[in-house]
Amino acid sequence: MSTPLPTIPAAPRLVRAEHVVMATTVLALVVLVVLPLAFLVAGSVTADGGLTLAHFRDALSSRLYVQALRNSLILGISTAALSVAIGLPLAWAVSRTNVPAKQFIHLTAVVSYLTPPFLTAIAFVNLFSPRAGLVNRFVRDVLGMPGLTFDVFSMAGLILVTVPHTFPFVYLLAASALESVDASMEESAQILGASRWRTAAAVTGPLVAPAVLSGALVAFVNAIALFGSQAIVGLPGRVFTLPTRIYALFDYPPQYGLASALSMIFVAITVVALYFQRRYLARRSYVTLGGKGSRPQLVDLGPARWGVLAFCVAVFAVAVAAPYLTLLAVSISRSWGLQFWQNLTLQHYRFVLLEYDVTRRAIWNSLILASSTATLAVLIGSFVGWLDLRTALRGRKLLDYASLIPLGLPGIVVAVALIQFWLRVPLPIYGTLLIILLAYTGRFIPLGVRSANAAFRQIDPSLEETARVTGASWLRTFRSVTLPLARPGLFAGWLLVFVPALQELSASVLLFSSGSITLAVAVYNLYETGALGPVAALAIVTMLIITTAIALATRLGRGRAGGEAISRAEPAAVTQ
């Protein structure tokens, strides 16, 4: 007697599952991305119920906003150029030379990437403010050379505090590209008589150009979007940028239309930058034909390797050591000056942890928002990735494209879009944790989508098909087969969203209330009161929380996903 074949579940059940997932994903993207951006566009071209271009006319004709636009462009271009000048040599040193302490160099870039930019800005204010900065006081009062002092409240100062956050983008992308280049092409050039430098310029350079250009573009977009550092360093020096001008428009009475127009100009800058990048890359070929290729031989730098290492140590000193040591010193001293070690105290930590009731509320809110945002972004990303790779439904590619829209949107633009939308919807969520959660989730969805897409591509569809053939429902297959196999990649995406959400400031500063204040906003508000010691203490507490959260999340992930998440981060959407 022949054994009966397994019963294949009826097709309608699978179709219903696909349609339910599609409908849920469409609804989520419409609420989180499409409608807020539609209201942002509408708000920029309407006034008193009619269409108008007055908001754009004011934005492009007023000297206040034109100068802010010019400053933003100067900041972005300068930061991108310096990020390449720092990140590319570091990537080359780690990937292609015998420079010592490579793990230390890589860790420098990772820690710089994880450090909130507004904390770096606060640290450099304590070092280089014109009158009270420790370095300036030493140069002026001890060395007697006032001409060598540096005013951090300037465009140069703004660039100085921004580059430590942006050069890791170039480093991470360039290092990955350098390790992927087919070594046989370089070896062929050298066999034909080309020197190492000629080979680097004619062969290696063009092949890694897309990665370097992408890193520069990410650095540019992030630099112009950082509200915290631009407010902390730019406002005292009257160096106004688009984010700080948009923020000022929400003083009473708020000017929503003009804020929307400036936000649309922000979006236009990002779109134009992406267009020129694609146009540049489209005219060139960067394809290697050597398959996997062989591992390139490391360049023996000889004694010069110590000079390269000295450059890397200098980057570490400016980007990591100086900010952290400064904040730590300020946090344990009663008064900040040349003899700060003579009046050490823990009073500032006692104040922010035990007496300042905002701290506990801000910590709790930030942890809830970061974990919820990461979970929602990865969940929605899993739905988008599954629909794209496992179904043939119409519109699935459109969902993927729609989910990537927030990729180049600064946090303050997302906040303006949400304000425009939710103030017109009869749901009182403005000033609550919910509207901040919506802002975070909508903004970081691209990271969840790309992580899920990459994870699902590594899973053989036949494994899921086997479960379906044996009678498992779609939900059980997804829960018992797909998610466990994709767990490392999904957890990497979760951590990629969790970290920037925990330190987010740009969107939070427009959306928070006393009950929904976050850690980043608490630090910024305390800084505005001029309490340097408590600010530094809360900044150190913030970094300890971020480090602890990453360590715990990585341990819970049970594997290499946590480390891989930071090392291979797609940092395109991470702005503060």
Protein backbone atom coordinates (compact mmCIF):
# COMPACT_ATOMS: atom_id res chain seq x y z
CA MET A 1 0.00 0.00 0.00
CA SER A 2 1.54 3.26 -1.09
CA THR A 3 2.17 6.02 1.41
CA PRO A 4 -0.08 9.04 0.80
CA LEU A 5 1.66 12.23 -0.20
CA PRO A 6 1.66 15.12 2.29
CA THR A 7 -1.24 17.45 1.88
CA ILE A 8 -0.31 20.87 0.55
CA PRO A 9 -2.22 23.66 2.29
CA ALA A 10 -4.86 25.34 0.22
CA ALA A 11 -3.69 28.32 -1.78
CA PRO A 12 -6.25 30.80 -0.42
CA ARG A 13 -4.69 30.52 3.04
CA LEU A 14 -1.31 31.60 1.69
CA VAL A 15 -2.90 34.39 -0.30
CA ARG A 16 -4.71 35.63 2.79
CA ALA A 17 -1.45 35.66 4.72
CA GLU A 18 0.30 37.60 1.96
CA HIS A 19 -2.52 40.11 1.76
CA VAL A 20 -2.70 40.58 5.53
CA VAL A 21 1.03 41.22 5.70
CA MET A 22 0.82 43.55 2.69
CA ALA A 23 -2.09 45.51 4.17
CA THR A 24 -0.38 45.83 7.56
CA THR A 25 2.86 47.02 5.97
CA VAL A 26 1.11 49.49 3.69
CA LEU A 27 -0.81 50.95 6.63
CA ALA A 28 2.37 51.29 8.70
CA LEU A 29 4.32 53.02 5.93
CA VAL A 30 1.42 55.33 5.10
CA VAL A 31 1.08 56.47 8.73
CA LEU A 32 4.81 56.64 9.47
CA VAL A 33 6.20 58.00 6.19
CA VAL A 34 3.80 58.93 3.42
CA LEU A 35 1.15 61.04 5.18
CA PRO A 36 3.58 63.10 7.33
CA LEU A 37 5.68 63.92 4.26
CA ALA A 38 2.55 64.75 2.26
CA PHE A 39 1.43 67.17 4.96
CA LEU A 40 4.94 68.63 5.07
CA VAL A 41 4.79 69.35 1.34
CA ALA A 42 1.25 70.72 1.66
CA GLY A 43 2.23 72.91 4.59
CA SER A 44 5.07 74.46 2.60
CA VAL A 45 2.79 75.61 -0.25
CA THR A 46 -0.42 76.57 1.58
CA ALA A 47 -1.46 79.54 3.71
CA ASP A 48 -4.94 80.51 4.91
CA GLY A 49 -6.46 77.63 2.99
CA GLY A 50 -4.97 78.56 -0.40
CA LEU A 51 -1.95 77.67 -2.45
CA THR A 52 1.03 79.98 -2.19
CA LEU A 53 4.79 80.10 -2.72
CA ALA A 54 5.22 82.83 -0.10
CA HIS A 55 6.95 80.49 2.34
CA PHE A 56 9.57 79.51 -0.23
CA ARG A 57 9.94 83.14 -1.28
CA ASP A 58 10.65 84.13 2.31
CA ALA A 59 13.04 81.22 2.77
CA LEU A 60 15.04 82.01 -0.37
CA SER A 61 15.00 85.82 -0.16
CA SER A 62 15.47 86.55 3.53
CA ARG A 63 19.09 87.17 4.47
CA LEU A 64 18.59 85.16 7.68
CA TYR A 65 17.70 81.96 5.87
CA VAL A 66 20.01 82.40 2.88
CA GLN A 67 22.94 82.79 5.26
CA ALA A 68 21.80 79.72 7.21
CA LEU A 69 21.66 77.75 3.94
CA ARG A 70 25.13 78.95 3.00
CA ASN A 71 26.51 77.99 6.41
CA SER A 72 24.94 74.53 6.18
CA LEU A 73 26.52 73.95 2.77
CA ILE A 74 29.94 75.17 3.96
CA LEU A 75 29.70 72.91 7.00
CA GLY A 76 28.62 69.89 4.94
CA ILE A 77 31.22 70.25 2.19
CA SER A 78 34.09 70.97 4.61
CA THR A 79 33.13 68.09 6.87
CA ALA A 80 32.82 65.68 3.95
CA ALA A 81 36.24 66.67 2.63
CA LEU A 82 37.91 66.28 6.04
CA SER A 83 36.09 62.99 6.63
CA VAL A 84 37.66 61.64 3.44
CA ALA A 85 41.06 63.07 4.42
CA ILE A 86 40.89 61.21 7.75
CA GLY A 87 38.75 58.15 7.06
CA LEU A 88 40.43 57.02 3.82
CA PRO A 89 44.01 56.94 5.21
CA LEU A 90 42.77 55.05 8.27
CA ALA A 91 40.96 52.53 6.05
CA TRP A 92 44.01 52.13 3.82
CA ALA A 93 46.30 51.66 6.84
CA VAL A 94 44.08 48.94 8.35
CA SER A 95 43.29 47.14 5.08
CA ARG A 96 46.49 47.41 3.05
CA THR A 97 49.52 48.05 5.25
CA ASN A 98 51.49 46.45 8.06
CA VAL A 99 50.79 49.31 10.46
CA PRO A 100 50.65 48.04 14.07
CA ALA A 101 47.62 48.23 16.41
CA LYS A 102 44.99 47.75 13.70
CA GLN A 103 42.34 46.75 16.24
CA PHE A 104 42.99 50.00 18.10
CA ILE A 105 42.52 52.00 14.89
CA HIS A 106 39.27 50.20 14.10
CA LEU A 107 38.05 50.76 17.66
CA THR A 108 38.79 54.48 17.32
CA ALA A 109 36.41 54.73 14.37
CA VAL A 110 33.72 52.64 16.09
CA VAL A 111 33.80 54.64 19.34
CA SER A 112 33.77 57.91 17.39
CA TYR A 113 30.71 56.70 15.50
CA LEU A 114 28.91 55.72 18.73
CA THR A 115 29.68 58.95 20.60
CA PRO A 116 26.73 61.39 20.41
CA PRO A 117 27.92 64.49 18.52
CA PHE A 118 26.34 66.91 20.99
CA LEU A 119 28.47 65.41 23.79
CA THR A 120 31.59 65.97 21.71
CA ALA A 121 30.47 69.57 21.19
CA ILE A 122 29.99 70.09 24.95
CA ALA A 123 33.45 68.67 25.64
CA PHE A 124 35.16 70.95 23.12
CA VAL A 125 33.31 73.98 24.51
CA ASN A 126 34.94 73.21 27.86
CA LEU A 127 38.33 73.05 26.13
CA PHE A 128 38.13 75.90 23.62
CA SER A 129 35.51 78.43 24.71
CA PRO A 130 37.12 81.90 24.35
CA ARG A 131 37.38 82.81 28.03
CA ALA A 132 36.83 79.68 30.14
CA GLY A 133 38.20 76.96 27.86
CA LEU A 134 40.98 75.01 29.56
CA VAL A 135 43.28 74.93 26.51
CA ASN A 136 42.71 78.61 25.75
CA ARG A 137 43.38 79.60 29.37
CA PHE A 138 46.60 77.57 29.38
CA VAL A 139 47.81 79.12 26.11
CA ARG A 140 46.82 82.64 27.15
CA ASP A 141 47.64 82.73 30.88
CA VAL A 142 50.47 80.20 31.23
CA LEU A 143 52.24 80.33 27.86
CA GLY A 144 51.47 84.03 27.33
CA MET A 145 50.48 83.55 23.68
CA PRO A 146 46.90 84.84 23.33
CA GLY A 147 47.26 84.87 19.55
CA LEU A 148 47.25 81.05 19.51
CA THR A 149 43.88 80.67 21.25
CA PHE A 150 41.06 79.00 19.30
CA ASP A 151 37.45 80.16 19.41
CA VAL A 152 35.22 77.08 19.22
CA PHE A 153 32.15 79.29 18.66
CA SER A 154 32.91 79.66 14.97
CA MET A 155 32.51 77.80 11.69
CA ALA A 156 35.94 76.23 12.22
CA GLY A 157 34.84 75.09 15.67
CA LEU A 158 31.62 73.69 14.27
CA ILE A 159 33.59 71.67 11.71
CA LEU A 160 35.97 70.49 14.46
CA VAL A 161 33.17 69.03 16.60
CA THR A 162 31.38 67.47 13.60
CA VAL A 163 34.20 65.61 11.87
CA PRO A 164 34.77 63.10 14.72
CA HIS A 165 31.24 61.81 14.11
CA THR A 166 31.39 61.71 10.31
CA PHE A 167 34.83 60.33 9.39
CA PRO A 168 33.85 56.78 10.55
CA PHE A 169 31.33 56.65 7.68
CA VAL A 170 34.14 57.01 5.14
CA TYR A 171 36.37 54.65 7.11
CA LEU A 172 33.80 51.83 7.35
CA LEU A 173 32.78 51.98 3.69
CA ALA A 174 36.30 52.47 2.32
CA ALA A 175 37.78 49.68 4.47
CA SER A 176 35.11 47.26 3.25
CA ALA A 177 35.77 48.24 -0.37
CA LEU A 178 39.55 47.94 -0.04
CA GLU A 179 39.22 44.44 1.37
CA SER A 180 36.92 43.43 -1.53
CA VAL A 181 39.07 44.63 -4.45
CA ASP A 182 40.40 41.79 -6.59
CA ALA A 183 44.13 41.69 -5.83
CA SER A 184 44.94 40.11 -9.20
CA MET A 185 44.19 43.40 -10.96
CA GLU A 186 46.73 45.24 -8.81
CA GLU A 187 49.27 42.47 -9.27
CA SER A 188 48.82 42.65 -13.05
CA ALA A 189 49.52 46.39 -13.02
CA GLN A 190 52.70 45.86 -11.01
CA ILE A 191 53.86 43.05 -13.33
CA LEU A 192 53.51 45.51 -16.22
CA GLY A 193 55.87 47.88 -14.45
CA ALA A 194 53.56 50.18 -12.50
CA SER A 195 54.82 51.31 -9.12
CA ARG A 196 52.73 50.78 -5.98
CA TRP A 197 51.66 54.44 -5.97
CA ARG A 198 50.79 54.35 -9.69
CA THR A 199 48.80 51.16 -9.12
CA ALA A 200 46.97 52.74 -6.19
CA ALA A 201 46.11 55.83 -8.25
CA ALA A 202 45.18 54.06 -11.51
CA VAL A 203 43.65 50.78 -10.30
CA THR A 204 42.76 50.67 -6.61
CA GLY A 205 41.57 54.27 -6.32
CA PRO A 206 38.96 54.12 -9.10
CA LEU A 207 37.66 50.76 -7.83
CA VAL A 208 37.00 52.07 -4.30
CA ALA A 209 35.76 55.47 -5.53
CA PRO A 210 32.06 54.54 -5.16
CA ALA A 211 32.55 53.59 -1.51
CA VAL A 212 34.56 56.72 -0.77
CA LEU A 213 32.02 58.91 -2.55
CA SER A 214 29.17 57.21 -0.69
CA GLY A 215 30.98 57.80 2.60
CA ALA A 216 31.51 61.45 1.72
CA LEU A 217 27.82 61.81 0.83
CA VAL A 218 26.75 60.23 4.12
CA ALA A 219 29.16 62.53 5.97
CA PHE A 220 27.72 65.56 4.13
CA VAL A 221 24.09 64.65 4.88
CA ASN A 222 24.83 63.88 8.53
CA ALA A 223 26.87 67.04 9.01
CA ILE A 224 24.17 69.42 7.81
CA ALA A 225 21.51 67.58 9.88
CA LEU A 226 23.17 67.57 13.34
CA PHE A 227 21.07 69.91 15.44
CA GLY A 228 22.76 69.44 18.82
CA SER A 229 26.32 70.39 17.91
CA GLN A 230 25.11 73.23 15.68
CA ALA A 231 23.05 74.68 18.53
CA ILE A 232 25.73 74.22 21.20
CA VAL A 233 28.61 75.61 19.14
CA GLY A 234 26.91 77.65 16.41
CA LEU A 235 24.34 79.72 18.32
CA PRO A 236 26.77 81.39 20.78
CA GLY A 237 28.98 82.36 17.82
CA ARG A 238 25.96 83.43 15.73
CA VAL A 239 26.77 80.78 13.13
CA PHE A 240 23.20 79.91 12.20
CA THR A 241 22.37 76.86 10.10
CA LEU A 242 19.16 75.42 8.66
CA PRO A 243 18.43 73.14 11.67
CA THR A 244 18.85 75.96 14.18
CA ARG A 245 16.73 78.33 12.08
CA ILE A 246 13.99 75.70 11.78
CA TYR A 247 14.12 75.16 15.55
CA ALA A 248 13.77 78.90 16.17
CA LEU A 249 10.60 79.01 14.06
CA PHE A 250 8.79 76.98 16.73
CA ASP A 251 9.04 79.76 19.29
CA TYR A 252 5.67 81.35 19.97
CA PRO A 253 3.94 82.01 17.65
CA PRO A 254 5.17 79.00 15.62
CA GLN A 255 5.62 79.52 11.87
CA TYR A 256 4.73 76.08 10.54
CA GLY A 257 4.60 77.09 6.88
CA LEU A 258 8.07 78.63 6.83
CA ALA A 259 9.47 75.72 8.83
CA SER A 260 7.99 73.33 6.26
CA ALA A 261 9.52 75.30 3.38
CA LEU A 262 12.97 75.25 5.01
CA SER A 263 12.55 71.52 5.62
CA MET A 264 11.74 70.98 1.95
CA ILE A 265 14.92 72.87 1.03
CA PHE A 266 16.73 70.44 3.34
CA VAL A 267 15.20 67.51 1.45
CA ALA A 268 16.10 69.11 -1.90
CA ILE A 269 19.77 69.41 -0.86
CA THR A 270 19.86 65.69 -0.05
CA VAL A 271 18.15 64.75 -3.33
CA VAL A 272 20.54 66.92 -5.36
CA ALA A 273 23.56 65.39 -3.60
CA LEU A 274 22.26 61.89 -4.37
CA TYR A 275 21.63 62.87 -7.99
CA PHE A 276 25.18 64.11 -8.56
CA GLN A 277 26.59 61.03 -6.88
CA ARG A 278 24.60 58.71 -9.14
CA ARG A 279 25.43 60.79 -12.22
CA TYR A 280 29.14 60.66 -11.43
CA LEU A 281 29.11 56.91 -10.84
CA ALA A 282 26.93 56.18 -13.88
CA ARG A 283 29.63 57.46 -16.25
CA ARG A 284 32.26 55.04 -14.95
CA SER A 285 32.67 51.31 -14.53
CA TYR A 286 33.80 49.88 -11.20
CA VAL A 287 33.27 46.20 -11.87
CA THR A 288 36.07 43.72 -11.24
CA LEU A 289 36.17 40.52 -13.29
CA GLY A 290 38.35 38.35 -11.14
CA GLY A 291 35.69 36.60 -9.12
CA LYS A 292 36.63 36.37 -5.45
CA GLY A 293 40.19 37.35 -6.21
CA SER A 294 43.18 36.82 -3.95
CA ARG A 295 44.02 38.63 -0.78
CA PRO A 296 46.29 41.59 -1.56
CA GLN A 297 49.77 41.67 -0.12
CA LEU A 298 50.18 44.19 2.68
CA VAL A 299 52.38 47.16 1.92
CA ASP A 300 55.51 47.13 4.06
CA LEU A 301 55.80 50.73 5.24
CA GLY A 302 59.09 50.21 7.01
CA PRO A 303 59.85 52.95 9.52
CA ALA A 304 57.02 55.01 8.03
CA ARG A 305 54.51 52.72 9.74
CA TRP A 306 55.23 54.52 13.00
CA GLY A 307 54.36 57.82 11.37
CA VAL A 308 51.10 56.34 10.13
CA LEU A 309 50.40 55.02 13.62
CA ALA A 310 51.14 58.46 15.07
CA PHE A 311 48.51 59.93 12.71
CA CYS A 312 45.99 57.33 13.92
CA VAL A 313 46.84 58.08 17.56
CA ALA A 314 46.32 61.80 16.89
CA VAL A 315 42.87 61.02 15.48
CA PHE A 316 42.12 58.97 18.61
CA ALA A 317 43.29 61.81 20.85
CA VAL A 318 41.03 64.39 19.18
CA ALA A 319 37.98 62.24 18.45
CA VAL A 320 37.87 60.00 21.54
CA ALA A 321 40.34 60.80 24.32
CA ALA A 322 39.85 64.58 24.45
CA PRO A 323 36.02 64.52 24.65
CA TYR A 324 35.78 61.69 27.18
CA LEU A 325 38.61 62.84 29.45
CA THR A 326 37.29 66.41 29.39
CA LEU A 327 33.75 65.39 30.30
CA LEU A 328 35.06 63.10 33.04
CA ALA A 329 37.29 65.85 34.48
CA VAL A 330 34.50 68.44 34.45
CA SER A 331 32.06 65.99 36.03
CA ILE A 332 34.26 65.39 39.10
CA SER A 333 35.48 68.96 39.76
CA ARG A 334 33.71 71.74 41.67
CA SER A 335 35.06 74.41 39.32
CA TRP A 336 36.57 74.00 35.87
CA GLY A 337 39.99 75.55 35.49
CA LEU A 338 43.71 74.91 35.35
CA GLN A 339 43.73 73.50 38.90
CA PHE A 340 40.55 71.47 38.59
CA TRP A 341 42.16 68.40 40.22
CA GLN A 342 42.48 70.33 43.52
CA ASN A 343 38.71 70.43 44.10
CA LEU A 344 37.45 66.99 43.13
CA THR A 345 33.90 66.01 44.04
CA LEU A 346 31.11 63.57 43.22
CA GLN A 347 28.41 66.15 43.95
CA HIS A 348 27.50 66.52 40.27
CA TYR A 349 26.78 62.79 39.98
CA ARG A 350 24.79 62.91 43.23
CA PHE A 351 22.75 65.77 41.81
CA VAL A 352 21.92 64.24 38.42
CA LEU A 353 21.26 60.74 39.80
CA LEU A 354 19.50 61.47 43.10
CA GLU A 355 18.31 65.08 43.17
CA TYR A 356 17.51 65.93 39.54
CA ASP A 357 14.22 64.09 39.03
CA VAL A 358 14.36 64.61 35.24
CA THR A 359 17.23 62.11 34.95
CA ARG A 360 15.32 58.99 35.98
CA ARG A 361 12.37 59.94 33.77
CA ALA A 362 14.64 60.67 30.81
CA ILE A 363 16.55 57.39 31.19
CA TRP A 364 13.36 55.37 31.37
CA ASN A 365 11.81 57.19 28.38
CA SER A 366 14.94 56.80 26.26
CA LEU A 367 15.24 53.06 26.94
CA ILE A 368 11.54 52.50 26.18
CA LEU A 369 11.71 54.56 22.98
CA ALA A 370 14.96 53.00 21.73
CA SER A 371 13.90 49.39 22.34
CA SER A 372 10.38 49.94 20.97
CA THR A 373 11.71 51.76 17.91
CA ALA A 374 14.24 49.03 17.16
CA THR A 375 11.60 46.31 17.53
CA LEU A 376 9.04 48.07 15.33
CA ALA A 377 11.60 49.03 12.66
CA VAL A 378 12.89 45.45 12.40
CA LEU A 379 9.36 44.01 12.43
CA ILE A 380 8.18 46.28 9.63
CA GLY A 381 11.47 45.69 7.84
CA SER A 382 10.90 41.92 8.09
CA PHE A 383 7.47 42.30 6.52
CA VAL A 384 8.85 44.44 3.68
CA GLY A 385 11.76 42.06 3.10
CA TRP A 386 9.55 38.96 3.13
CA LEU A 387 7.05 40.50 0.70
CA ASP A 388 9.87 41.57 -1.61
CA LEU A 389 11.77 38.27 -1.63
CA ARG A 390 9.13 35.60 -0.98
CA THR A 391 6.03 36.79 -2.86
CA ALA A 392 5.06 37.96 -6.32
CA LEU A 393 2.46 40.49 -5.20
CA ARG A 394 2.11 43.66 -7.18
CA GLY A 395 3.41 46.74 -5.42
CA ARG A 396 5.99 44.95 -3.28
CA LYS A 397 8.86 46.87 -4.91
CA LEU A 398 7.02 50.11 -4.29
CA LEU A 399 6.87 49.23 -0.60
CA ASP A 400 10.64 48.75 -0.58
CA TYR A 401 11.18 52.13 -2.22
CA ALA A 402 8.71 53.86 0.13
CA SER A 403 10.48 52.42 3.16
CA LEU A 404 13.75 54.00 2.02
CA ILE A 405 12.32 57.54 1.70
CA PRO A 406 13.40 58.59 5.23
CA LEU A 407 17.00 57.54 4.51
CA GLY A 408 18.16 61.07 3.79
CA LEU A 409 15.71 62.97 6.00
CA PRO A 410 17.24 64.82 8.97
CA GLY A 411 15.54 64.28 12.31
CA ILE A 412 14.32 67.85 12.53
CA VAL A 413 12.61 67.49 9.12
CA VAL A 414 10.85 64.34 10.31
CA ALA A 415 9.70 66.22 13.42
CA VAL A 416 8.31 69.10 11.36
CA ALA A 417 6.48 66.62 9.11
CA LEU A 418 4.92 64.85 12.09
CA ILE A 419 3.86 68.13 13.68
CA GLN A 420 2.20 69.23 10.44
CA PHE A 421 0.35 65.90 10.22
CA TRP A 422 -0.70 65.16 13.81
CA LEU A 423 -1.83 68.71 14.62
CA ARG A 424 -4.45 68.24 11.91
CA VAL A 425 -5.56 64.81 13.12
CA PRO A 426 -8.06 64.69 16.04
CA LEU A 427 -5.76 62.54 18.19
CA PRO A 428 -4.00 64.34 21.08
CA ILE A 429 -0.59 62.66 20.85
CA TYR A 430 1.61 65.77 20.47
CA GLY A 431 3.99 65.96 23.43
CA THR A 432 3.58 62.27 24.29
CA LEU A 433 5.98 59.36 23.96
CA LEU A 434 3.83 58.03 21.11
CA ILE A 435 4.62 60.86 18.68
CA ILE A 436 8.34 60.52 19.46
CA LEU A 437 8.07 56.78 18.87
CA LEU A 438 6.40 57.44 15.51
CA ALA A 439 9.18 59.88 14.59
CA TYR A 440 11.94 57.45 15.55
CA THR A 441 10.32 54.47 13.83
CA GLY A 442 9.61 56.34 10.61
CA ARG A 443 13.11 57.73 10.52
CA PHE A 444 14.95 54.46 11.20
CA ILE A 445 12.78 52.12 9.13
CA PRO A 446 15.38 52.06 6.30
CA LEU A 447 17.93 50.37 8.58
CA GLY A 448 15.38 47.74 9.61
CA VAL A 449 14.39 47.09 6.00
CA ARG A 450 17.93 46.75 4.67
CA SER A 451 18.99 44.48 7.56
CA ALA A 452 15.95 42.22 7.11
CA ASN A 453 16.42 42.12 3.34
CA ALA A 454 20.05 41.07 3.71
CA ALA A 455 19.14 38.45 6.34
CA PHE A 456 16.36 36.88 4.23
CA ARG A 457 18.57 36.70 1.15
CA GLN A 458 20.86 34.32 3.04
CA ILE A 459 18.03 31.85 3.75
CA ASP A 460 17.27 29.13 1.20
CA PRO A 461 13.53 29.44 0.34
CA SER A 462 13.32 25.64 0.11
CA LEU A 463 13.50 25.44 3.91
CA GLU A 464 10.34 27.50 4.22
CA GLU A 465 8.70 25.59 1.38
CA THR A 466 9.39 22.31 3.19
CA ALA A 467 7.63 23.56 6.30
CA ARG A 468 4.65 24.70 4.22
CA VAL A 469 4.43 21.35 2.40
CA THR A 470 4.32 19.47 5.72
CA GLY A 471 1.27 21.47 6.77
CA ALA A 472 2.70 24.41 8.76
CA SER A 473 0.78 27.64 8.45
CA TRP A 474 2.47 30.76 7.15
CA LEU A 475 2.61 32.27 10.64
CA ARG A 476 4.14 29.14 12.14
CA THR A 477 6.65 28.87 9.28
CA PHE A 478 7.62 32.49 9.69
CA ARG A 479 7.94 32.14 13.48
CA SER A 480 9.62 28.72 13.61
CA VAL A 481 11.78 28.68 10.47
CA THR A 482 12.33 32.13 8.95
CA LEU A 483 12.89 34.22 12.07
CA PRO A 484 15.29 31.78 13.84
CA LEU A 485 17.44 31.49 10.70
CA ALA A 486 17.42 35.24 10.15
CA ARG A 487 18.03 36.01 13.82
CA PRO A 488 21.69 37.17 13.60
CA GLY A 489 20.98 39.57 10.74
CA LEU A 490 17.75 40.84 12.31
CA PHE A 491 19.47 41.40 15.64
CA ALA A 492 22.23 43.34 13.88
CA GLY A 493 19.51 45.55 12.40
CA TRP A 494 17.86 45.87 15.83
CA LEU A 495 21.11 47.09 17.36
CA LEU A 496 21.75 49.45 14.43
CA VAL A 497 18.43 51.15 15.19
CA PHE A 498 18.66 50.94 18.99
CA VAL A 499 21.96 52.83 19.31
CA PRO A 500 21.06 56.01 17.35
CA ALA A 501 17.53 56.02 18.79
CA LEU A 502 18.95 56.02 22.32
CA GLN A 503 20.98 59.18 21.60
CA GLU A 504 18.59 60.93 19.18
CA LEU A 505 18.17 64.70 19.67
CA SER A 506 17.17 66.40 16.40
CA ALA A 507 13.56 65.14 16.31
CA SER A 508 13.10 64.86 20.09
CA VAL A 509 13.88 68.51 20.74
CA LEU A 510 10.75 69.60 18.83
CA LEU A 511 8.42 66.83 20.02
CA PHE A 512 9.11 66.32 23.74
CA SER A 513 7.19 67.52 26.77
CA SER A 514 8.07 67.37 30.46
CA GLY A 515 6.63 63.88 30.65
CA SER A 516 8.27 62.56 27.47
CA ILE A 517 11.74 64.10 27.83
CA THR A 518 14.64 61.94 26.64
CA LEU A 519 18.25 61.67 27.79
CA ALA A 520 19.62 63.70 24.89
CA VAL A 521 17.08 66.49 25.46
CA ALA A 522 17.79 66.43 29.22
CA VAL A 523 21.51 66.93 28.57
CA TYR A 524 20.80 69.75 26.08
CA ASN A 525 18.33 71.53 28.39
CA LEU A 526 20.71 71.26 31.33
CA TYR A 527 23.51 72.65 29.18
CA GLU A 528 21.39 75.70 28.35
CA THR A 529 21.21 76.51 32.07
CA GLY A 530 25.01 76.79 32.19
CA ALA A 531 25.50 74.04 34.80
CA LEU A 532 28.71 72.61 33.33
CA GLY A 533 29.43 70.09 36.09
CA PRO A 534 25.98 68.44 36.11
CA VAL A 535 25.95 68.50 32.28
CA ALA A 536 29.26 66.63 32.15
CA ALA A 537 28.07 64.14 34.77
CA LEU A 538 24.84 63.48 32.87
CA ALA A 539 26.85 63.14 29.66
CA ILE A 540 29.06 60.46 31.25
CA VAL A 541 25.95 58.71 32.60
CA THR A 542 24.49 58.80 29.08
CA MET A 543 27.55 57.14 27.57
CA LEU A 544 27.62 54.50 30.33
CA ILE A 545 23.97 53.70 29.61
CA ILE A 546 24.66 53.44 25.86
CA THR A 547 27.67 51.18 26.45
CA THR A 548 25.80 49.00 28.95
CA ALA A 549 22.76 48.73 26.69
CA ILE A 550 24.92 47.67 23.73
CA ALA A 551 26.74 45.09 25.88
CA LEU A 552 23.51 43.63 27.26
CA ALA A 553 21.79 43.62 23.88
CA THR A 554 24.79 41.91 22.29
CA ARG A 555 24.87 39.27 25.03
CA LEU A 556 21.15 38.65 24.65
CA GLY A 557 21.73 38.30 20.91
CA ARG A 558 23.94 35.28 21.69
CA GLY A 559 26.41 35.55 18.86
CA ARG A 560 28.47 37.82 16.71
CA ALA A 561 25.51 39.89 15.54
CA GLY A 562 26.15 42.69 17.97
CA GLY A 563 29.75 43.17 16.97
CA GLU A 564 28.93 42.81 13.30
CA ALA A 565 26.17 45.39 13.63
CA ILE A 566 28.65 48.06 14.66
CA SER A 567 31.45 46.97 12.35
CA ARG A 568 29.39 46.70 9.18
CA ALA A 569 26.94 49.45 10.08
CA GLU A 570 25.07 51.13 7.29
CA PRO A 571 25.26 54.56 8.90
CA ALA A 572 23.35 56.44 6.25
CA ALA A 573 20.34 57.23 8.41
CA VAL A 574 22.16 57.90 11.70
CA THR A 575 21.99 61.62 12.47
CA GLN A 576 21.49 63.39 15.65
